[in-house]
N, C-alpha and C. Protein backbone atom coordinates (compact mmCIF):
# COMPACT_ATOMS: atom_id res chain seq x y z
N MET A 1 -39.14 -12.23 -1.99
CA MET A 1 -38.50 -11.89 -1.30
C MET A 1 -36.93 -11.68 -1.45
N THR A 2 -36.53 -10.53 -0.89
CA THR A 2 -35.14 -10.43 -1.95
C THR A 2 -33.88 -11.04 -1.29
N SER A 3 -33.45 -11.60 -1.98
CA SER A 3 -32.13 -12.87 -1.69
C SER A 3 -31.00 -11.99 -1.54
N VAL A 4 -30.10 -12.85 -1.18
CA VAL A 4 -28.56 -12.45 -0.38
C VAL A 4 -27.90 -11.72 -1.84
N HIS A 5 -28.21 -12.63 -2.60
CA HIS A 5 -27.28 -12.23 -4.57
C HIS A 5 -27.63 -11.04 -4.68
N GLU A 6 -29.21 -10.59 -5.09
CA GLU A 6 -29.82 -9.35 -5.38
C GLU A 6 -29.17 -8.52 -3.52
N TYR A 7 -29.59 -8.62 -2.68
CA TYR A 7 -28.21 -7.20 -2.50
C TYR A 7 -27.23 -7.21 -2.37
N PHE A 8 -26.49 -8.33 -2.43
CA PHE A 8 -24.41 -8.01 -2.60
C PHE A 8 -24.85 -7.33 -3.85
N SER A 9 -25.61 -7.70 -5.19
CA SER A 9 -25.60 -6.79 -6.27
C SER A 9 -25.90 -5.11 -6.38
N TRP A 10 -26.73 -5.56 -5.30
CA TRP A 10 -27.33 -3.75 -5.30
C TRP A 10 -25.82 -3.08 -3.90
N PHE A 11 -25.18 -3.94 -3.34
CA PHE A 11 -24.05 -3.22 -2.86
C PHE A 11 -22.85 -3.33 -3.48
N LYS A 12 -22.72 -3.60 -4.59
CA LYS A 12 -21.83 -4.06 -5.61
C LYS A 12 -21.67 -2.44 -6.27
N GLU A 13 -22.99 -2.28 -6.39
CA GLU A 13 -23.08 -1.48 -7.26
C GLU A 13 -22.93 0.18 -6.74
N ASN A 14 -23.46 0.10 -5.59
CA ASN A 14 -23.22 1.23 -4.65
C ASN A 14 -22.92 1.48 -3.52
N TRP A 15 -21.55 0.36 -3.62
CA TRP A 15 -20.77 0.85 -2.05
C TRP A 15 -20.25 2.02 -2.41
N ALA A 16 -19.47 2.96 -3.29
CA ALA A 16 -18.87 3.78 -2.98
C ALA A 16 -19.66 5.39 -2.35
N ARG A 17 -21.15 4.94 -3.33
CA ARG A 17 -22.10 6.05 -1.88
C ARG A 17 -22.33 6.16 -1.21
N ILE A 18 -22.78 4.29 -0.54
CA ILE A 18 -22.22 3.72 0.61
C ILE A 18 -21.39 4.19 1.54
N GLY A 19 -20.36 4.40 0.39
CA GLY A 19 -18.68 4.81 1.85
C GLY A 19 -19.16 6.10 2.26
N PHE A 20 -19.84 7.45 1.19
CA PHE A 20 -19.81 8.30 1.43
C PHE A 20 -20.09 8.59 2.92
N ILE A 21 -21.42 7.97 3.18
CA ILE A 21 -22.51 8.03 4.35
C ILE A 21 -21.72 7.52 5.40
N LEU A 22 -20.96 6.44 5.16
CA LEU A 22 -20.34 5.49 6.20
C LEU A 22 -18.87 6.27 6.96
N ALA A 23 -18.05 6.97 5.67
CA ALA A 23 -17.31 7.91 6.26
C ALA A 23 -17.76 9.13 7.17
N ILE A 24 -18.95 9.59 6.77
CA ILE A 24 -19.55 10.92 7.63
C ILE A 24 -19.74 10.54 9.08
N TYR A 25 -20.26 9.12 9.32
CA TYR A 25 -20.64 8.37 10.70
C TYR A 25 -19.14 8.00 11.03
N LEU A 26 -18.44 7.42 10.85
CA LEU A 26 -17.59 7.15 11.38
C LEU A 26 -16.69 8.15 11.62
N LEU A 27 -16.43 9.46 10.89
CA LEU A 27 -15.64 10.70 11.24
C LEU A 27 -16.40 11.39 12.49
N VAL A 28 -17.76 11.18 12.45
CA VAL A 28 -18.22 11.79 14.03
C VAL A 28 -17.86 10.64 14.95
N LEU A 29 -17.62 9.69 14.82
CA LEU A 29 -17.72 8.27 15.90
C LEU A 29 -16.34 8.53 16.13
N LEU A 30 -15.57 8.36 15.55
CA LEU A 30 -13.92 8.87 15.75
C LEU A 30 -13.81 10.41 16.53
N ILE A 31 -14.59 11.34 16.12
CA ILE A 31 -13.83 12.41 16.85
C ILE A 31 -14.82 12.16 18.59
N VAL A 32 -15.90 12.10 18.03
CA VAL A 32 -17.14 12.05 19.30
C VAL A 32 -16.28 11.41 20.80
N VAL A 33 -15.92 10.08 20.31
CA VAL A 33 -15.90 8.52 21.68
C VAL A 33 -14.62 8.36 21.32
N VAL A 34 -13.87 7.82 19.80
CA VAL A 34 -12.70 7.36 19.70
C VAL A 34 -11.25 8.87 20.09
N ARG A 35 -11.30 9.59 19.94
CA ARG A 35 -10.36 10.55 20.09
C ARG A 35 -10.39 11.03 21.66
N ARG A 36 -11.54 10.79 22.47
CA ARG A 36 -11.00 10.70 24.19
C ARG A 36 -10.41 9.42 24.78
N TYR A 37 -10.74 8.62 23.87
CA TYR A 37 -10.74 6.91 24.70
C TYR A 37 -9.20 7.34 24.50
N ASP A 38 -8.60 6.52 23.30
CA ASP A 38 -7.32 6.79 23.19
C ASP A 38 -7.03 7.27 21.45
N PHE A 39 -5.91 8.67 21.81
CA PHE A 39 -5.84 9.52 20.45
C PHE A 39 -5.18 8.74 19.41
N VAL A 40 -4.29 7.64 19.78
CA VAL A 40 -3.36 7.28 18.91
C VAL A 40 -4.03 6.09 17.99
N LEU A 41 -5.31 6.01 18.40
CA LEU A 41 -5.70 4.60 17.87
C LEU A 41 -6.74 5.57 16.72
N PHE A 42 -7.03 6.69 17.33
CA PHE A 42 -8.19 7.80 16.19
C PHE A 42 -7.50 8.13 15.34
N VAL A 43 -6.21 8.61 15.92
CA VAL A 43 -4.96 8.99 14.36
C VAL A 43 -5.12 7.25 13.30
N LEU A 44 -4.92 6.62 13.71
CA LEU A 44 -4.86 5.59 12.99
C LEU A 44 -5.83 4.99 12.06
N LEU A 45 -7.50 5.11 12.93
CA LEU A 45 -8.52 5.11 12.39
C LEU A 45 -8.44 5.71 11.62
N LEU A 46 -8.28 7.04 11.37
CA LEU A 46 -9.47 8.52 10.92
C LEU A 46 -8.74 8.23 9.45
N HIS A 47 -7.66 7.04 9.14
CA HIS A 47 -7.34 7.27 7.46
C HIS A 47 -8.80 6.22 6.95
N THR A 48 -9.24 5.77 7.49
CA THR A 48 -10.50 4.50 7.09
C THR A 48 -11.41 5.34 6.19
N PRO A 49 -12.16 6.60 7.28
CA PRO A 49 -13.14 7.22 6.68
C PRO A 49 -12.41 8.40 5.16
N ILE A 50 -11.70 8.86 5.57
CA ILE A 50 -10.59 9.78 4.87
C ILE A 50 -10.75 8.89 3.29
N TYR A 51 -9.91 8.02 3.76
CA TYR A 51 -10.29 7.09 2.09
C TYR A 51 -11.65 6.83 1.55
N MET A 52 -12.34 6.63 2.56
CA MET A 52 -13.80 6.61 1.42
C MET A 52 -14.27 7.65 0.63
N LEU A 53 -13.54 9.13 1.41
CA LEU A 53 -14.23 10.33 0.96
C LEU A 53 -13.27 10.23 -0.40
N HIS A 54 -11.84 9.47 -0.12
CA HIS A 54 -11.13 9.67 -1.26
C HIS A 54 -12.14 8.63 -2.66
N GLN A 55 -11.92 7.53 -2.13
CA GLN A 55 -12.83 6.24 -2.98
C GLN A 55 -14.09 7.26 -3.51
N THR A 56 -14.52 8.62 -3.11
CA THR A 56 -16.18 9.32 -3.35
C THR A 56 -15.91 9.72 -4.61
N GLU A 57 -14.73 10.79 -4.23
CA GLU A 57 -14.03 11.61 -5.60
C GLU A 57 -13.82 10.59 -6.92
N GLU A 58 -13.41 9.77 -6.52
CA GLU A 58 -12.83 8.50 -7.65
C GLU A 58 -13.94 7.91 -8.20
N TYR A 59 -14.87 7.99 -7.84
CA TYR A 59 -16.20 6.63 -8.54
C TYR A 59 -18.04 7.54 -8.11
N VAL A 60 -17.78 8.16 -7.65
CA VAL A 60 -18.96 9.13 -7.46
C VAL A 60 -19.08 10.55 -8.07
N PHE A 61 -18.39 10.97 -7.07
CA PHE A 61 -18.28 12.22 -7.76
C PHE A 61 -17.31 13.31 -7.58
N PRO A 62 -16.70 13.80 -8.38
CA PRO A 62 -17.00 13.78 -10.03
C PRO A 62 -16.92 12.13 -10.45
N GLY A 63 -16.38 11.38 -10.13
CA GLY A 63 -16.30 10.39 -10.34
C GLY A 63 -15.12 9.67 -12.04
N GLY A 64 -15.14 8.69 -12.21
CA GLY A 64 -14.92 8.28 -13.94
C GLY A 64 -12.82 8.30 -13.50
N PHE A 65 -12.53 7.53 -12.79
CA PHE A 65 -11.43 7.09 -12.16
C PHE A 65 -11.37 6.53 -13.06
N ARG A 66 -11.96 5.37 -12.88
CA ARG A 66 -11.69 3.86 -14.59
C ARG A 66 -11.41 4.80 -15.63
N GLU A 67 -12.69 5.28 -16.12
CA GLU A 67 -12.14 5.94 -17.45
C GLU A 67 -10.91 6.45 -17.67
N PHE A 68 -10.88 7.66 -16.95
CA PHE A 68 -9.26 8.41 -16.53
C PHE A 68 -8.35 6.97 -16.55
N PHE A 69 -8.44 6.01 -16.40
CA PHE A 69 -7.34 5.56 -15.68
C PHE A 69 -7.34 4.66 -17.28
N THR A 70 -8.21 4.00 -17.66
CA THR A 70 -8.38 3.40 -19.18
C THR A 70 -7.71 4.51 -20.30
N THR A 71 -8.31 5.85 -20.59
CA THR A 71 -8.14 6.71 -21.46
C THR A 71 -6.60 7.25 -21.36
N ARG A 72 -6.39 7.78 -20.48
CA ARG A 72 -4.91 8.90 -19.67
C ARG A 72 -3.93 7.99 -19.74
N ILE A 73 -4.27 6.87 -18.53
CA ILE A 73 -2.62 6.35 -18.49
C ILE A 73 -2.39 4.70 -19.27
N TYR A 74 -3.62 4.39 -19.66
CA TYR A 74 -4.07 2.97 -20.61
C TYR A 74 -3.06 3.48 -21.88
N GLY A 75 -4.30 4.66 -22.19
CA GLY A 75 -3.79 5.15 -23.74
C GLY A 75 -5.22 4.10 -24.40
N LEU A 76 -6.05 3.86 -23.87
CA LEU A 76 -7.27 2.75 -24.54
C LEU A 76 -8.28 3.27 -24.81
N SER A 77 -9.72 2.88 -25.53
CA SER A 77 -10.61 3.92 -25.48
C SER A 77 -11.43 3.88 -24.34
N GLU A 78 -12.18 4.41 -24.12
CA GLU A 78 -12.89 4.78 -22.98
C GLU A 78 -13.86 3.61 -22.43
N ASP A 79 -14.58 2.75 -23.83
CA ASP A 79 -15.37 1.83 -23.40
C ASP A 79 -14.28 0.58 -23.27
N GLU A 80 -13.30 -0.02 -23.38
CA GLU A 80 -12.53 -1.00 -22.78
C GLU A 80 -12.31 -1.01 -21.72
N THR A 81 -12.76 -2.39 -20.95
CA THR A 81 -12.87 -2.82 -19.70
C THR A 81 -11.68 -3.28 -19.50
N VAL A 82 -10.60 -2.63 -19.31
CA VAL A 82 -9.81 -3.12 -19.06
C VAL A 82 -9.60 -3.39 -16.59
N LEU A 83 -9.71 -2.35 -16.62
CA LEU A 83 -10.53 -2.57 -14.76
C LEU A 83 -11.89 -3.00 -14.55
N SER A 84 -12.16 -4.07 -14.65
CA SER A 84 -13.98 -4.38 -14.43
C SER A 84 -14.29 -3.76 -13.24
N ASP A 85 -15.31 -3.78 -13.34
CA ASP A 85 -16.20 -3.59 -11.74
C ASP A 85 -15.91 -4.95 -10.75
N ASN A 86 -15.93 -5.81 -11.07
CA ASN A 86 -15.64 -6.45 -9.88
C ASN A 86 -14.26 -6.51 -9.47
N PHE A 87 -12.95 -5.89 -10.00
CA PHE A 87 -11.75 -5.89 -9.71
C PHE A 87 -11.15 -4.26 -8.60
N ILE A 88 -12.26 -3.20 -9.58
CA ILE A 88 -12.66 -2.11 -8.49
C ILE A 88 -13.36 -2.48 -7.22
N PHE A 89 -14.17 -2.93 -7.39
CA PHE A 89 -15.17 -3.59 -5.92
C PHE A 89 -14.16 -4.36 -4.90
N TYR A 90 -13.56 -5.60 -5.26
CA TYR A 90 -13.11 -6.21 -4.72
C TYR A 90 -11.46 -5.66 -4.40
N LEU A 91 -11.09 -4.98 -5.30
CA LEU A 91 -9.68 -4.34 -4.45
C LEU A 91 -10.22 -3.33 -3.61
N ASN A 92 -10.81 -1.97 -3.95
CA ASN A 92 -11.46 -1.04 -2.93
C ASN A 92 -11.60 -2.11 -1.47
N ILE A 93 -12.88 -2.86 -1.45
CA ILE A 93 -13.61 -3.21 -0.49
C ILE A 93 -12.26 -4.01 0.61
N LEU A 94 -11.35 -4.60 -0.48
CA LEU A 94 -10.71 -5.63 0.78
C LEU A 94 -9.68 -5.08 1.41
N LEU A 95 -8.82 -3.98 0.44
CA LEU A 95 -8.02 -2.91 1.07
C LEU A 95 -8.31 -1.91 1.86
N ILE A 96 -9.24 -0.99 1.99
CA ILE A 96 -9.91 -0.31 2.03
C ILE A 96 -10.76 -0.62 3.31
N TRP A 97 -11.88 -0.90 3.05
CA TRP A 97 -13.08 -1.14 3.66
C TRP A 97 -12.80 -2.00 4.95
N ILE A 98 -11.78 -2.83 4.35
CA ILE A 98 -11.51 -4.29 5.63
C ILE A 98 -10.31 -4.40 6.25
N ALA A 99 -8.95 -4.08 5.16
CA ALA A 99 -7.58 -4.32 5.72
C ALA A 99 -7.48 -3.06 6.61
N LEU A 100 -7.86 -1.50 6.25
CA LEU A 100 -7.32 -0.61 7.11
C LEU A 100 -8.25 0.03 8.57
N PRO A 101 -9.57 -0.27 8.36
CA PRO A 101 -10.20 -0.73 9.77
C PRO A 101 -9.77 -1.66 10.75
N CYS A 102 -9.74 -2.93 10.00
CA CYS A 102 -8.94 -4.40 10.83
C CYS A 102 -7.72 -4.01 11.56
N PHE A 103 -6.45 -3.20 10.97
CA PHE A 103 -5.18 -3.33 10.90
C PHE A 103 -5.36 -2.27 12.28
N GLY A 104 -6.14 -1.14 12.29
CA GLY A 104 -6.88 0.12 13.04
C GLY A 104 -7.03 -0.64 14.35
N LEU A 105 -8.05 -1.52 14.42
CA LEU A 105 -8.34 -1.99 15.83
C LEU A 105 -7.03 -2.79 15.80
N LEU A 106 -6.91 -3.73 15.13
CA LEU A 106 -5.52 -4.45 16.50
C LEU A 106 -5.03 -3.83 16.52
N SER A 107 -4.81 -2.06 16.36
CA SER A 107 -3.98 -1.60 17.27
C SER A 107 -4.44 -1.71 18.64
N MET A 108 -5.25 -1.88 18.80
CA MET A 108 -6.20 -1.62 20.50
C MET A 108 -4.99 -2.67 21.23
N ILE A 109 -4.47 -3.95 20.24
CA ILE A 109 -3.53 -5.00 21.13
C ILE A 109 -2.30 -3.86 20.77
N ASN A 110 -2.00 -3.71 20.10
CA ASN A 110 -0.31 -3.23 19.92
C ASN A 110 -0.38 -2.37 18.58
N TYR A 111 -0.19 -1.01 18.61
CA TYR A 111 -0.26 0.06 17.95
C TYR A 111 0.78 -0.21 16.52
N GLY A 112 1.72 -1.04 16.39
CA GLY A 112 2.69 -1.55 15.64
C GLY A 112 1.72 -2.00 14.60
N PHE A 113 0.67 -2.60 14.91
CA PHE A 113 -0.43 -3.30 13.52
C PHE A 113 -1.01 -2.21 12.94
N GLY A 114 -1.06 -1.01 12.98
CA GLY A 114 -1.51 0.04 12.39
C GLY A 114 -0.58 1.32 12.05
N LEU A 115 0.64 1.33 12.42
CA LEU A 115 1.14 2.34 12.40
C LEU A 115 1.85 2.69 10.58
N TRP A 116 1.78 1.60 9.88
CA TRP A 116 1.87 1.84 8.22
C TRP A 116 0.53 2.60 8.09
N ILE A 117 -0.33 2.64 8.41
CA ILE A 117 -1.39 2.96 7.58
C ILE A 117 -1.52 4.84 7.31
N PRO A 118 -0.62 5.47 7.81
CA PRO A 118 -1.04 7.11 7.57
C PRO A 118 0.80 7.07 6.34
N TYR A 119 1.16 6.21 6.55
CA TYR A 119 2.17 6.42 5.13
C TYR A 119 1.64 5.75 3.56
N PHE A 120 0.60 4.98 4.12
CA PHE A 120 0.34 4.33 2.96
C PHE A 120 -0.76 5.65 2.16
N SER A 121 -1.66 6.08 3.42
CA SER A 121 -2.92 7.08 2.76
C SER A 121 -1.59 8.27 2.52
N LEU A 122 -1.06 8.23 2.57
CA LEU A 122 0.29 10.16 2.07
C LEU A 122 0.58 9.37 0.89
N PHE A 123 1.21 7.68 0.65
CA PHE A 123 1.92 7.71 -0.76
C PHE A 123 0.41 7.14 -1.79
N ALA A 124 -0.28 6.77 -1.05
CA ALA A 124 -2.05 7.18 -2.41
C ALA A 124 -2.57 8.40 -2.62
N GLY A 125 -2.11 9.60 -1.63
CA GLY A 125 -2.24 10.65 -2.20
C GLY A 125 -1.21 11.13 -3.07
N ILE A 126 0.08 10.93 -3.15
CA ILE A 126 1.34 11.70 -3.65
C ILE A 126 1.15 10.72 -4.97
N ALA A 127 0.24 9.32 -4.97
CA ALA A 127 0.31 8.82 -6.29
C ALA A 127 -0.39 9.72 -7.47
N HIS A 128 -1.57 10.05 -6.68
CA HIS A 128 -2.11 10.77 -7.73
C HIS A 128 -1.81 11.85 -8.11
N ILE A 129 -0.84 12.56 -7.61
CA ILE A 129 0.00 13.95 -8.43
C ILE A 129 0.91 13.34 -9.58
N PHE A 130 1.45 12.12 -9.03
CA PHE A 130 2.38 11.48 -10.11
C PHE A 130 1.07 11.09 -11.14
N LEU A 131 0.17 10.73 -11.20
CA LEU A 131 -0.94 10.25 -11.93
C LEU A 131 -0.42 11.45 -13.13
N SER A 132 -1.62 12.54 -12.66
CA SER A 132 -1.53 13.87 -13.42
C SER A 132 -0.58 14.02 -14.08
N ILE A 133 0.52 13.99 -13.24
CA ILE A 133 1.52 14.20 -14.06
C ILE A 133 2.10 13.41 -15.14
N LYS A 134 1.70 11.81 -15.31
CA LYS A 134 1.72 10.73 -16.40
C LYS A 134 1.32 11.45 -17.47
N ALA A 135 -0.10 11.76 -17.15
CA ALA A 135 -1.07 11.88 -17.65
C ALA A 135 -1.24 13.42 -18.59
N ARG A 136 -0.41 13.68 -17.96
CA ARG A 136 -0.24 15.24 -18.64
C ARG A 136 -1.60 16.66 -18.24
N THR A 137 -2.18 16.26 -17.54
CA THR A 137 -3.10 16.74 -16.85
C THR A 137 -3.64 17.39 -15.82
N ILE A 138 -3.92 18.72 -15.37
CA ILE A 138 -4.16 18.90 -14.15
C ILE A 138 -4.87 18.15 -13.12
N TYR A 139 -5.60 17.66 -13.29
CA TYR A 139 -6.47 17.46 -12.13
C TYR A 139 -6.97 15.37 -13.09
N ASN A 140 -7.01 14.38 -12.02
CA ASN A 140 -7.81 13.36 -12.12
C ASN A 140 -8.58 12.97 -10.69
N PRO A 141 -9.41 12.43 -11.37
CA PRO A 141 -10.07 11.65 -9.79
C PRO A 141 -9.67 11.52 -8.85
N GLY A 142 -9.94 11.69 -7.59
CA GLY A 142 -9.12 11.63 -6.01
C GLY A 142 -7.96 12.71 -5.85
N LEU A 143 -7.93 13.42 -6.88
CA LEU A 143 -6.53 14.64 -6.13
C LEU A 143 -7.01 15.27 -5.32
N ILE A 144 -7.97 15.81 -5.71
CA ILE A 144 -8.56 17.00 -4.64
C ILE A 144 -8.10 16.26 -3.27
N VAL A 145 -9.02 15.11 -2.98
CA VAL A 145 -9.31 14.71 -1.42
C VAL A 145 -7.60 14.33 -1.40
N SER A 146 -7.14 13.97 -1.88
CA SER A 146 -5.48 13.75 -2.19
C SER A 146 -4.62 14.79 -1.61
N LEU A 147 -4.49 15.83 -1.91
CA LEU A 147 -3.76 17.17 -1.27
C LEU A 147 -4.64 17.46 -0.25
N SER A 148 -6.00 17.75 -0.02
CA SER A 148 -6.72 18.22 0.78
C SER A 148 -6.91 17.77 2.39
N LEU A 149 -6.77 16.17 2.09
CA LEU A 149 -7.16 15.39 3.25
C LEU A 149 -5.67 14.24 3.41
N ASN A 150 -5.76 13.31 1.89
CA ASN A 150 -4.13 12.43 2.26
C ASN A 150 -3.18 12.81 2.75
N ILE A 151 -2.63 13.82 2.16
CA ILE A 151 -1.22 13.90 1.87
C ILE A 151 -1.38 14.85 3.53
N PRO A 152 -1.70 16.05 3.47
CA PRO A 152 -1.70 16.81 4.99
C PRO A 152 -2.47 15.88 5.98
N ILE A 153 -2.86 15.45 6.35
CA ILE A 153 -3.20 14.02 7.42
C ILE A 153 -2.65 13.25 7.98
N GLY A 154 -1.89 12.89 6.44
CA GLY A 154 -1.02 11.69 6.67
C GLY A 154 0.22 12.32 6.89
N ILE A 155 0.68 13.14 6.74
CA ILE A 155 1.80 13.98 7.26
C ILE A 155 1.63 14.52 8.97
N TRP A 156 0.53 14.55 9.00
CA TRP A 156 0.35 15.28 10.42
C TRP A 156 0.12 13.99 11.13
N SER A 157 -0.39 12.65 10.81
CA SER A 157 -0.12 11.61 11.80
C SER A 157 0.79 11.04 12.10
N ILE A 158 2.06 11.09 10.64
CA ILE A 158 3.37 10.62 11.07
C ILE A 158 4.18 11.28 12.06
N MET A 159 3.77 13.11 11.78
CA MET A 159 4.44 13.63 12.96
C MET A 159 4.22 12.58 14.38
N TYR A 160 2.60 13.25 14.34
CA TYR A 160 1.97 12.77 15.78
C TYR A 160 2.89 11.64 16.40
N LEU A 161 2.88 10.52 15.65
CA LEU A 161 3.07 9.39 16.06
C LEU A 161 4.93 8.96 16.61
N LYS A 162 5.53 10.35 15.87
CA LYS A 162 7.01 10.24 16.06
C LYS A 162 6.80 11.03 17.43
N ARG A 163 6.55 11.75 17.78
CA ARG A 163 5.99 13.32 18.55
C ARG A 163 6.07 11.78 20.14
N ALA A 164 5.09 10.96 19.92
CA ALA A 164 4.41 10.55 20.70
C ALA A 164 5.63 8.89 20.79
N GLY A 165 6.54 9.20 20.33
CA GLY A 165 7.83 8.30 20.73
C GLY A 165 7.60 6.68 20.02
N LEU A 166 6.36 6.98 19.07
CA LEU A 166 5.98 5.39 18.52
C LEU A 166 7.00 4.78 17.36
N ILE A 167 7.82 6.20 16.31
CA ILE A 167 8.73 6.17 15.37
C ILE A 167 9.40 6.78 15.90
N GLY A 168 10.66 6.12 15.04
CA GLY A 168 11.81 6.64 15.10
C GLY A 168 12.39 7.49 14.22
N ASN A 169 13.09 7.11 13.12
CA ASN A 169 12.98 8.03 12.06
C ASN A 169 11.86 7.61 10.86
N VAL A 170 11.65 9.12 10.48
CA VAL A 170 10.24 9.21 9.13
C VAL A 170 10.27 8.23 8.54
N PHE A 171 11.39 8.26 7.73
CA PHE A 171 11.64 8.01 6.59
C PHE A 171 12.25 6.66 6.63
N LEU A 172 13.02 6.36 7.79
CA LEU A 172 13.45 4.85 7.73
C LEU A 172 13.12 3.71 8.78
N ASN A 173 11.75 3.31 8.69
CA ASN A 173 11.22 2.56 9.77
C ASN A 173 10.33 1.56 8.64
N PRO A 174 10.39 0.38 9.13
CA PRO A 174 9.34 -0.69 8.53
C PRO A 174 7.86 -0.24 8.25
N TYR A 175 7.46 0.76 8.67
CA TYR A 175 6.02 1.11 8.31
C TYR A 175 6.21 1.72 7.70
N MET A 176 6.77 2.51 7.13
CA MET A 176 7.01 3.18 5.91
C MET A 176 7.05 2.66 4.79
N LEU A 177 8.01 1.32 4.82
CA LEU A 177 8.13 0.26 3.65
C LEU A 177 7.03 -0.47 3.22
N VAL A 178 6.08 -1.12 4.63
CA VAL A 178 4.70 -1.79 4.38
C VAL A 178 3.81 -0.39 3.85
N GLY A 179 3.96 0.76 3.64
CA GLY A 179 3.03 1.92 2.99
C GLY A 179 3.46 1.80 1.25
N LEU A 180 4.57 2.11 1.39
CA LEU A 180 5.51 2.10 0.46
C LEU A 180 5.26 0.87 -0.67
N VAL A 181 5.36 -0.44 0.30
CA VAL A 181 4.69 -1.44 -0.65
C VAL A 181 3.89 -2.15 -1.25
N ILE A 182 2.81 -1.39 -0.35
CA ILE A 182 1.39 -1.64 -0.82
C ILE A 182 1.04 -1.02 -2.12
N ASN A 183 1.74 0.95 -1.81
CA ASN A 183 1.34 1.75 -3.15
C ASN A 183 2.17 1.08 -4.44
N MET A 184 3.20 0.73 -4.30
CA MET A 184 3.68 0.13 -5.27
C MET A 184 3.26 -1.07 -6.13
N ALA A 185 2.67 -1.48 -5.65
CA ALA A 185 2.11 -2.77 -5.71
C ALA A 185 0.75 -2.64 -6.65
N LEU A 186 0.26 -1.83 -6.56
CA LEU A 186 -0.85 -1.40 -7.12
C LEU A 186 -1.00 -1.06 -8.94
N PRO A 187 0.28 0.28 -8.59
CA PRO A 187 0.63 -0.16 -10.30
C PRO A 187 1.51 -1.04 -11.11
N ILE A 188 2.01 -1.85 -10.16
CA ILE A 188 2.43 -3.62 -10.83
C ILE A 188 1.57 -3.76 -11.14
N LEU A 189 0.76 -4.11 -10.38
CA LEU A 189 -0.82 -4.76 -10.25
C LEU A 189 -1.71 -4.61 -11.81
N GLY A 190 -1.73 -3.07 -11.78
CA GLY A 190 -2.28 -2.37 -13.53
C GLY A 190 -1.68 -2.76 -14.98
N VAL A 191 -0.21 -2.97 -14.18
CA VAL A 191 0.57 -3.54 -15.61
C VAL A 191 0.15 -4.92 -16.06
N ILE A 192 0.72 -5.57 -14.74
CA ILE A 192 -0.54 -6.99 -15.00
C ILE A 192 -1.39 -6.87 -15.62
N ILE A 193 -2.27 -6.54 -15.51
CA ILE A 193 -3.50 -6.36 -15.63
C ILE A 193 -3.82 -6.12 -17.35
N TYR A 194 -3.22 -4.83 -17.36
CA TYR A 194 -3.35 -4.48 -19.13
C TYR A 194 -2.59 -5.66 -19.89
N ARG A 195 -1.43 -6.23 -19.62
CA ARG A 195 -0.94 -6.90 -20.18
C ARG A 195 -2.02 -8.28 -20.85
N ARG A 196 -2.38 -8.78 -19.88
CA ARG A 196 -3.24 -10.34 -19.69
C ARG A 196 -4.47 -9.63 -20.85
N TYR A 197 -5.24 -7.80 -20.41
CA TYR A 197 -5.97 -7.85 -21.40
C TYR A 197 -5.70 -7.72 -22.61
N MET A 198 -4.71 -7.11 -22.72
CA MET A 198 -4.53 -6.91 -24.62
C MET A 198 -3.67 -8.42 -25.19
N SER A 199 -3.11 -8.90 -24.33
CA SER A 199 -2.46 -10.40 -24.93
C SER A 199 -4.70 -11.47 -25.20
N ALA A 200 -5.39 -10.55 -24.44
CA ALA A 200 -6.41 -11.56 -24.65
C ALA A 200 -7.31 -10.81 -25.86
N HIS A 201 -6.33 -9.40 -26.26
CA HIS A 201 -7.83 -8.93 -27.11
C HIS A 201 -6.79 -8.99 -28.49
């Protein structure tokens, strides 16, 4: 009999592949059901499957984001395990699979709970442009979805929310600050992990 631990281990190994399938399912559900029920809720929840597709490019096809970050950003050899499997798994699951949909669903109570989500998605997409600039390379895993989905849909979402009267100035509002702070926290976390790794080795 397969144990819970074995199921969890399988999930940890295949979460990004599962995410691709889940993203397609969620997109259909959102377009067919939620879009007609509440368009603002649709706009906010839309960023969860979009980001799952982003993760698919980073870790499945073509994949290699950890290797890219290790070699081109940290400047280490590919076999260095600065970013562990556990770190990548828990960060992505907690932030994208749990936080994004939970705050999106809380928007059913009050839209204010989820108005930061399009900003987060937009800034996450822009971050991949800066990664390419820093690494001096045309491509990095996640860039295509960033350019084709995260950034344009993020901008479209923000402009829609402004037209709906839910945000005032698109640049000066607390929701933009939340999305920016979360994105800024990620490279800071990356620096902390790098320094701890180097001090231990």
